Protein backbone atom coordinates (compact mmCIF):
# COMPACT_ATOMS: atom_id res chain seq x y z
CA MET A 1 0.18 -0.15 0.10
CA LYS A 2 1.53 3.46 -1.15
CA LYS A 3 1.81 5.77 1.85
CA PRO A 4 -0.02 9.24 1.79
CA SER A 5 2.46 12.00 0.82
CA TYR A 6 2.47 13.36 4.50
CA VAL A 7 3.86 10.12 5.87
CA THR A 8 7.49 11.02 5.12
CA ASP A 9 10.60 9.74 7.08
CA LYS A 10 11.05 13.15 8.68
CA ASN A 11 7.47 13.49 9.92
CA ILE A 12 7.41 9.92 11.26
CA LYS A 13 10.66 10.26 13.10
CA GLN A 14 9.65 13.60 14.59
CA PHE A 15 6.36 12.04 15.77
CA ILE A 16 8.10 8.89 17.31
CA LYS A 17 10.71 10.97 19.02
CA SER A 18 8.19 13.22 20.66
CA ALA A 19 6.15 10.23 21.85
CA LEU A 20 8.83 8.29 23.19
CA ALA A 21 10.26 11.37 25.09
CA GLU A 22 6.86 11.88 26.57
CA ASP A 23 6.63 8.56 27.76
CA ILE A 24 10.03 7.38 28.76
CA GLN A 25 11.69 11.04 29.89
CA ASP A 26 14.69 10.02 31.94
CA GLY A 27 14.33 6.09 31.82
CA ASP A 28 11.75 3.05 31.43
CA HIS A 29 12.57 2.54 35.32
CA SER A 30 10.32 -0.73 35.47
CA THR A 31 12.30 -2.24 32.69
CA LEU A 32 15.71 -1.05 33.59
CA ALA A 33 15.19 -2.36 37.12
CA THR A 34 14.11 -5.80 36.29
CA ILE A 35 15.26 -6.82 32.81
CA PRO A 36 19.06 -7.57 32.11
CA ALA A 37 20.52 -5.38 29.53
CA ASP A 38 21.60 -8.50 27.33
CA LEU A 39 18.42 -10.41 27.55
CA GLN A 40 17.11 -11.28 23.98
CA GLN A 41 13.34 -12.03 23.53
CA LYS A 42 10.50 -12.35 21.26
CA ALA A 43 6.86 -10.97 21.48
CA LYS A 44 3.87 -11.31 19.37
CA LEU A 45 1.18 -8.73 18.13
CA LEU A 46 -2.04 -10.59 19.10
CA VAL A 47 -5.48 -9.48 17.71
CA LYS A 48 -8.25 -9.68 20.13
CA GLU A 49 -11.11 -8.14 17.89
CA ASP A 50 -12.00 -8.57 14.58
CA CYS A 51 -10.93 -5.57 12.34
CA ILE A 52 -9.22 -3.88 9.42
CA LEU A 53 -5.54 -3.69 10.94
CA ALA A 54 -3.60 -0.51 10.59
CA GLY A 55 -0.42 0.67 12.12
CA VAL A 56 1.82 -2.24 11.09
CA GLU A 57 4.06 -0.17 9.38
CA MET A 58 4.17 2.59 11.89
CA ALA A 59 4.99 -0.23 14.47
CA THR A 60 7.93 -1.14 12.63
CA MET A 61 9.09 2.28 12.24
CA VAL A 62 8.81 2.81 16.24
CA PHE A 63 10.75 -0.43 16.90
CA LYS A 64 13.29 0.40 14.22
CA GLN A 65 14.03 4.03 15.40
CA PHE A 66 14.22 2.88 18.97
CA ASP A 67 16.46 0.07 18.50
CA LYS A 68 17.62 -0.64 14.86
CA ASN A 69 18.74 -4.45 15.85
CA LEU A 70 15.20 -5.43 16.52
CA GLU A 71 13.79 -7.78 14.00
CA ILE A 72 10.02 -7.74 12.70
CA GLU A 73 8.40 -10.63 11.11
CA VAL A 74 5.10 -9.26 9.39
CA LEU A 75 2.26 -11.79 9.07
CA ILE A 76 -0.62 -9.27 8.33
CA LYS A 77 -0.04 -5.96 6.67
CA ASP A 78 -2.05 -2.68 6.85
CA GLY A 79 -5.44 -2.88 5.41
CA ALA A 80 -5.94 -6.58 5.70
CA THR A 81 -8.70 -7.99 7.67
CA ALA A 82 -7.55 -9.52 10.82
CA LYS A 83 -9.85 -11.80 13.14
CA VAL A 84 -9.61 -12.55 16.89
CA GLY A 85 -6.79 -14.84 17.65
CA ASP A 86 -4.64 -13.79 14.65
CA ILE A 87 -0.95 -12.70 15.02
CA ALA A 88 -0.11 -9.69 13.13
CA PHE A 89 3.47 -9.97 13.53
CA TYR A 90 6.58 -11.12 16.01
CA VAL A 91 9.19 -8.84 17.01
CA THR A 92 12.42 -10.15 18.20
CA GLY A 93 15.50 -8.61 20.02
CA SER A 94 16.51 -6.77 23.10
CA ALA A 95 13.83 -7.35 25.72
CA ARG A 96 14.44 -3.85 27.13
CA SER A 97 13.72 -2.35 23.76
CA ILE A 98 10.58 -4.39 23.25
CA LEU A 99 9.13 -3.53 26.66
CA SER A 100 9.80 0.26 26.21
CA THR A 101 8.18 0.73 22.96
CA GLU A 102 5.21 -1.62 23.85
CA ARG A 103 2.82 1.12 24.82
CA LEU A 104 3.49 3.54 22.05
CA VAL A 105 3.15 0.65 19.35
CA LEU A 106 -0.09 -0.33 20.99
CA ASN A 107 -1.44 3.05 21.33
CA CYS A 108 -0.88 3.74 17.72
CA MET A 109 -2.02 0.51 16.17
CA GLN A 110 -5.34 0.19 18.62
CA ARG A 111 -6.38 3.96 17.60
CA MET A 112 -5.40 3.30 13.86
CA SER A 113 -7.06 -0.07 13.66
CA GLY A 114 -10.21 1.56 15.13
CA ILE A 115 -10.33 4.22 12.51
CA ALA A 116 -9.32 2.17 9.44
CA THR A 117 -12.18 -0.24 10.30
CA LEU A 118 -14.95 2.68 11.00
CA THR A 119 -13.76 4.00 7.68
CA HIS A 120 -13.86 0.57 5.67
CA ASP A 121 -17.31 0.19 7.09
CA TRP A 122 -18.49 3.65 5.97
CA ASP A 123 -16.92 3.48 2.64
CA SER A 124 -18.12 0.01 1.82
CA ARG A 125 -21.98 1.81 1.89
CA LEU A 126 -20.77 4.20 -0.91
CA LEU A 127 -19.84 1.22 -3.37
CA GLY A 128 -21.38 1.67 -6.61
CA THR A 129 -21.69 5.34 -6.43
CA LYS A 130 -19.18 8.14 -7.69
CA THR A 131 -19.04 9.47 -4.20
CA ARG A 132 -15.86 9.41 -2.19
CA LEU A 133 -15.60 9.51 1.66
CA LEU A 134 -13.39 12.16 3.14
CA ASP A 135 -11.84 12.81 6.63
CA THR A 136 -11.58 16.21 8.24
CA ARG A 137 -9.38 17.95 10.65
CA LYS A 138 -11.12 16.83 13.58
CA THR A 139 -8.24 14.88 14.76
CA THR A 140 -6.26 14.46 17.98
CA PRO A 141 -3.58 17.20 18.33
CA ASN A 142 -0.03 15.76 17.49
CA PHE A 143 -1.60 12.51 16.24
CA ARG A 144 -3.13 13.51 12.93
CA ILE A 145 -0.36 11.92 11.06
CA CYS A 146 -1.57 8.54 12.55
CA GLU A 147 -5.25 9.14 12.28
CA LYS A 148 -5.32 10.38 8.57
CA TRP A 149 -3.05 7.48 7.66
CA ALA A 150 -5.53 5.15 9.16
CA VAL A 151 -8.19 6.73 7.30
CA ALA A 152 -6.30 5.99 3.91
CA ILE A 153 -5.67 2.44 4.94
CA GLY A 154 -9.34 1.92 5.46
CA GLY A 155 -10.10 2.95 2.06
CA GLY A 156 -11.09 6.48 2.70
CA THR A 157 -9.80 9.80 1.20
CA ASN A 158 -7.92 12.44 2.89
CA HIS A 159 -9.08 15.86 2.72
CA ARG A 160 -6.70 18.61 3.26
CA TYR A 161 -4.08 17.64 5.90
CA GLY A 162 -3.91 20.95 7.55
CA LEU A 163 -4.49 24.81 7.11
CA TYR A 164 -1.51 25.15 4.91
CA ASP A 165 -2.67 22.88 1.80
CA MET A 166 -6.11 24.46 0.92
CA ILE A 167 -7.92 27.44 1.08
CA MET A 168 -11.25 26.68 2.82
CA LEU A 169 -13.55 29.56 3.15
CA LYS A 170 -16.16 28.36 6.07
CA ASP A 171 -18.94 30.26 7.79
CA ASN A 172 -17.01 32.51 9.84
CA HIS A 173 -14.56 33.44 7.09
CA ILE A 174 -17.42 34.52 5.01
CA ASP A 175 -19.22 36.25 7.87
CA TYR A 176 -16.22 38.30 8.80
CA ASN A 177 -15.84 39.17 5.40
CA GLY A 178 -19.47 40.12 4.71
CA SER A 179 -20.12 37.66 1.71
CA ILE A 180 -18.84 34.83 -0.34
CA THR A 181 -17.86 37.03 -3.07
CA ASN A 182 -15.66 39.48 -0.83
CA ALA A 183 -13.97 36.23 0.76
CA VAL A 184 -13.19 34.58 -2.48
CA LYS A 185 -11.90 37.79 -4.15
CA MET A 186 -9.55 38.02 -1.17
CA ALA A 187 -8.24 34.50 -1.49
CA ARG A 188 -7.50 34.99 -5.09
CA GLU A 189 -5.41 38.05 -4.42
CA TYR A 190 -3.61 36.25 -1.49
CA ASN A 191 -2.90 33.30 -3.93
CA LYS A 192 -1.67 35.72 -6.49
CA SER A 193 0.47 37.80 -4.32
CA LEU A 194 2.18 34.76 -2.84
CA LYS A 195 2.56 32.98 -6.10
CA LYS A 196 0.48 30.12 -4.75
CA LYS A 197 -2.10 27.88 -6.64
CA LEU A 198 -4.08 26.61 -3.60
CA LYS A 199 -7.66 25.43 -4.29
CA ILE A 200 -10.40 27.35 -2.98
CA GLU A 201 -13.33 25.56 -1.33
CA VAL A 202 -16.45 27.60 -0.13
CA GLU A 203 -18.82 26.37 2.75
CA THR A 204 -22.23 27.00 1.66
CA ARG A 205 -25.63 26.94 3.92
CA ASN A 206 -28.44 27.48 1.39
CA LEU A 207 -29.26 27.68 -2.34
CA GLU A 208 -28.72 31.37 -2.54
CA GLU A 209 -25.07 30.86 -1.26
CA VAL A 210 -24.41 27.94 -3.71
CA GLU A 211 -25.38 30.42 -6.45
CA GLU A 212 -23.17 33.16 -5.21
CA ALA A 213 -20.13 30.65 -4.86
CA LEU A 214 -20.73 29.11 -8.67
CA LYS A 215 -20.59 32.79 -9.81
CA MET A 216 -16.99 32.77 -8.18
CA GLU A 217 -15.95 29.78 -9.81
CA VAL A 218 -14.38 28.31 -7.03
CA ASP A 219 -12.93 24.74 -6.96
CA ARG A 220 -15.34 22.98 -4.70
CA ILE A 221 -18.54 24.02 -3.05
CA MET A 222 -19.29 22.33 0.32
CA LEU A 223 -22.93 21.76 1.04
CA ASP A 224 -23.29 22.14 4.61
CA ASN A 225 -25.77 20.66 6.96
CA MET A 226 -28.39 20.55 3.98
CA ASP A 227 -31.20 18.00 4.06
CA THR A 228 -31.04 15.62 1.11
CA GLN A 229 -33.54 17.46 -1.08
CA THR A 230 -31.79 20.76 -1.05
CA MET A 231 -28.54 19.12 -1.66
CA ALA A 232 -30.13 17.40 -4.72
CA LYS A 233 -31.19 20.85 -6.07
CA ALA A 234 -27.64 22.24 -5.40
CA VAL A 235 -25.83 19.39 -7.34
CA SER A 236 -28.15 19.98 -10.03
CA LEU A 237 -27.42 23.83 -9.85
CA ILE A 238 -23.70 23.33 -9.95
CA ALA A 239 -24.06 20.93 -12.73
CA GLY A 240 -20.53 19.68 -12.51
CA LYS A 241 -18.81 23.29 -12.90
CA CYS A 242 -16.95 22.47 -9.98
CA GLU A 243 -16.45 19.76 -7.28
CA THR A 244 -19.29 19.21 -4.61
CA GLU A 245 -18.86 18.14 -0.92
CA ALA A 246 -21.58 17.15 1.45
CA SER A 247 -20.66 17.70 5.33
CA GLY A 248 -22.21 18.29 8.53
CA GLY A 249 -23.96 15.75 10.71
CA ILE A 250 -23.87 12.90 8.34
CA THR A 251 -24.25 9.59 9.82
CA ARG A 252 -23.43 6.18 8.80
CA GLU A 253 -27.32 5.54 8.05
CA MET A 254 -27.42 8.50 5.72
CA LEU A 255 -24.31 7.62 3.63
CA LYS A 256 -26.36 6.18 0.71
CA GLU A 257 -29.05 8.43 0.66
CA VAL A 258 -26.48 11.58 0.44
CA ALA A 259 -24.60 9.77 -2.43
CA LYS A 260 -27.71 9.48 -4.35
CA THR A 261 -27.79 13.35 -4.57
CA GLY A 262 -24.91 12.85 -6.68
CA VAL A 263 -22.06 14.83 -4.56
CA ASP A 264 -18.56 14.26 -5.39
CA PHE A 265 -17.58 13.77 -1.78
CA ILE A 266 -18.87 13.09 1.67
CA SER A 267 -16.73 14.62 4.55
CA ALA A 268 -17.23 13.31 8.04
CA GLY A 269 -15.24 13.94 11.14
CA ALA A 270 -16.51 11.01 12.82
CA LEU A 271 -14.12 8.82 11.01
CA THR A 272 -11.42 9.95 13.28
CA HIS A 273 -13.33 11.65 16.49
CA SER A 274 -15.87 8.55 17.01
CA ALA A 275 -13.91 5.52 16.22
CA SER A 276 -13.36 2.96 19.01
CA ASN A 277 -9.85 1.44 19.81
CA ILE A 278 -9.39 -2.08 18.52
CA ASP A 279 -8.10 -4.43 21.38
CA LEU A 280 -4.76 -5.62 20.44
CA SER A 281 -2.03 -6.86 22.90
CA LEU A 282 1.79 -7.34 22.45
CA LYS A 283 2.47 -10.43 24.27
CA ALA A 284 5.89 -12.19 25.39
CA VAL A 285 6.55 -15.43 23.42
CA VAL A 286 8.37 -17.74 26.33
């Protein structure tokens, strides 16, 4: 599976370094006090709940960054279906290294597998339609790289990664500027002055705002908190002149009905903020 563009060695190393520093600080004293420095051991990642597995590659990176001599034998890859009792991988090497990285590996994998599993479930309801499922920026601070990566592993599509890679004019931007027209004009001037080519998306709350955004020839129009009847009228009005995105309070049960309106995208914060962690354990092999 190809990694998203934001999953770079630099970004991952920075995340792992920060996470390990938070947990270990001046030492994993439980391990240092009880485990000999030269003890070599083996552990297995045990799946305790059916899921779409995610975070295996991240786990490998954690192990290797902490101790390059650890050996990982992967049995189930990211994005694969895992069942209760399955073993995802074995890790072999310094017992101290295994124990000191155990919690970070589990925290990443349990959270990522939960998001991937939920995303896969939601995305499967859009099969046969042209509509693609998007995540949002409703992520855990300093953990976004894992959460958005998990969405991609689960079959979803990443929206903008952060505030820097798209201009999205939401209701407050528009209200502060007085109108969609004013906000879009300023966004275009900003792009031009900095020689940027950032796409412009506009959030709309009614058909009048849709018509205004359409006149401004933006890249994407978000249909926010509209009922499906209004949404269908908006899609018909837009008629393929730009991309369309449905957003706001969309639940799993609504997905098929929303997709029938013909929108290009459905964005849902629930993929990251409402996913339940999957039960996984790292168990010693003795």
